[in-house]
Amino acid sequence: MRLHRGSSKDAREPSPTPGNLPLSASPRSFRVDVEVVRSGRARRTHYDVPAGTLVRVVVRRAGESPEGCAVLEGETPLPLDTPIDRPLRLTVVPTFSGG
């Protein structure tokens, strides 16, 4: 019996080029309506945010300092570290002002 002394890598075919596979599902996103209430005036806007975004991120995006605001969903206070898992309507009330 004769043994082969060559490399086994010589007979190997080139590896196939990697392809781009489509994602099976896009990450969910939710619409968050934001109303910033200050001095009897209201500024309204909305954002589409990925699921799991924290309320604090939305408050910052609305141009307010999260630590200086109360955030309400309806009449219920909402902690800043609440992850967004559904469409929301938030009222942001700045609790302090400069001066």
Protein backbone atom coordinates (compact mmCIF):
# COMPACT_ATOMS: atom_id res chain seq x y z
CA MET A 1 0.00 0.00 0.00
CA ARG A 2 1.34 3.43 -0.94
CA LEU A 3 0.61 6.50 1.14
CA HIS A 4 -0.04 9.86 -0.41
CA ARG A 5 2.48 12.47 0.76
CA GLY A 6 0.84 15.58 -0.74
CA SER A 7 -1.34 18.13 0.97
CA SER A 8 -5.03 17.40 1.17
CA LYS A 9 -5.69 21.11 0.67
CA ASP A 10 -4.62 20.95 -2.97
CA ALA A 11 -7.77 19.11 -4.02
CA ARG A 12 -10.11 21.45 -2.22
CA GLU A 13 -12.37 23.68 -4.26
CA PRO A 14 -12.39 27.42 -3.60
CA SER A 15 -14.81 28.42 -0.86
CA PRO A 16 -18.07 29.99 -2.01
CA THR A 17 -18.40 33.75 -1.73
CA PRO A 18 -20.55 34.86 1.19
CA GLY A 19 -23.97 36.16 0.29
CA ASN A 20 -26.27 38.62 1.97
CA LEU A 21 -29.20 36.90 3.55
CA PRO A 22 -32.39 38.88 4.10
CA LEU A 23 -33.42 39.46 7.68
CA SER A 24 -36.34 37.34 8.70
CA ALA A 25 -37.91 40.21 10.63
CA SER A 26 -37.12 43.85 11.09
CA PRO A 27 -36.85 45.14 14.64
CA ARG A 28 -40.16 46.44 15.91
CA SER A 29 -40.58 50.15 16.34
CA PHE A 30 -43.28 52.13 18.05
CA ARG A 31 -44.68 55.61 17.62
CA VAL A 32 -44.30 57.79 20.69
CA ASP A 33 -46.29 61.04 20.76
CA VAL A 34 -44.65 63.59 23.04
CA GLU A 35 -46.21 66.74 24.45
CA VAL A 36 -43.86 69.06 26.35
CA VAL A 37 -45.91 71.36 28.60
CA ARG A 38 -44.28 74.54 29.91
CA SER A 39 -45.74 77.85 31.12
CA GLY A 40 -49.21 77.13 29.78
CA ARG A 41 -47.85 76.27 26.32
CA ALA A 42 -47.51 72.87 24.73
CA ARG A 43 -45.09 71.64 22.09
CA ARG A 44 -46.09 68.40 20.36
CA THR A 45 -43.96 66.03 18.32
CA HIS A 46 -43.67 62.31 17.67
CA TYR A 47 -40.85 59.81 17.24
CA ASP A 48 -40.61 56.29 15.88
CA VAL A 49 -38.31 54.41 18.23
CA PRO A 50 -37.08 50.81 18.31
CA ALA A 51 -38.63 48.50 20.88
CA GLY A 52 -36.76 48.67 24.17
CA THR A 53 -35.79 52.34 23.87
CA LEU A 54 -35.89 53.96 27.30
CA VAL A 55 -38.28 56.80 28.08
CA ARG A 56 -35.24 58.90 29.08
CA VAL A 57 -33.93 58.69 25.49
CA VAL A 58 -37.22 60.02 24.10
CA VAL A 59 -37.23 62.91 26.61
CA ARG A 60 -33.66 63.80 25.59
CA ARG A 61 -34.62 63.61 21.91
CA ALA A 62 -37.46 66.05 22.65
CA GLY A 63 -34.82 68.53 23.84
CA GLU A 64 -35.41 68.24 27.58
CA SER A 65 -33.20 67.10 30.45
CA PRO A 66 -34.68 63.81 31.67
CA GLU A 67 -33.54 64.33 35.27
CA GLY A 68 -35.38 67.66 35.37
CA CYS A 69 -38.72 66.42 34.06
CA ALA A 70 -41.75 64.50 35.15
CA VAL A 71 -43.03 62.12 32.49
CA LEU A 72 -46.66 61.08 32.48
CA GLU A 73 -48.64 58.55 30.50
CA GLY A 74 -52.13 59.93 30.92
CA GLU A 75 -52.17 60.76 34.65
CA THR A 76 -49.68 58.05 35.61
CA PRO A 77 -46.03 58.96 36.25
CA LEU A 78 -43.62 56.89 34.19
CA PRO A 79 -40.06 56.10 35.37
CA LEU A 80 -37.31 57.29 33.03
CA ASP A 81 -35.85 53.78 32.77
CA THR A 82 -39.07 52.27 31.41
CA PRO A 83 -38.43 50.45 28.11
CA ILE A 84 -40.91 51.31 25.36
CA ASP A 85 -42.82 48.20 24.29
CA ARG A 86 -45.94 49.71 22.71
CA PRO A 87 -47.13 52.98 21.15
CA LEU A 88 -47.25 55.69 23.81
CA ARG A 89 -48.55 59.20 24.35
CA LEU A 90 -46.26 60.96 26.83
CA THR A 91 -46.62 64.29 28.57
CA VAL A 92 -43.29 65.80 29.64
CA VAL A 93 -43.40 68.47 32.34
CA PRO A 94 -40.12 70.25 33.12
CA THR A 95 -39.93 70.50 36.92
CA PHE A 96 -37.32 73.25 37.19
CA SER A 97 -36.19 76.24 35.21
CA GLY A 98 -33.08 78.34 35.09
CA GLY A 99 -32.89 81.71 36.70
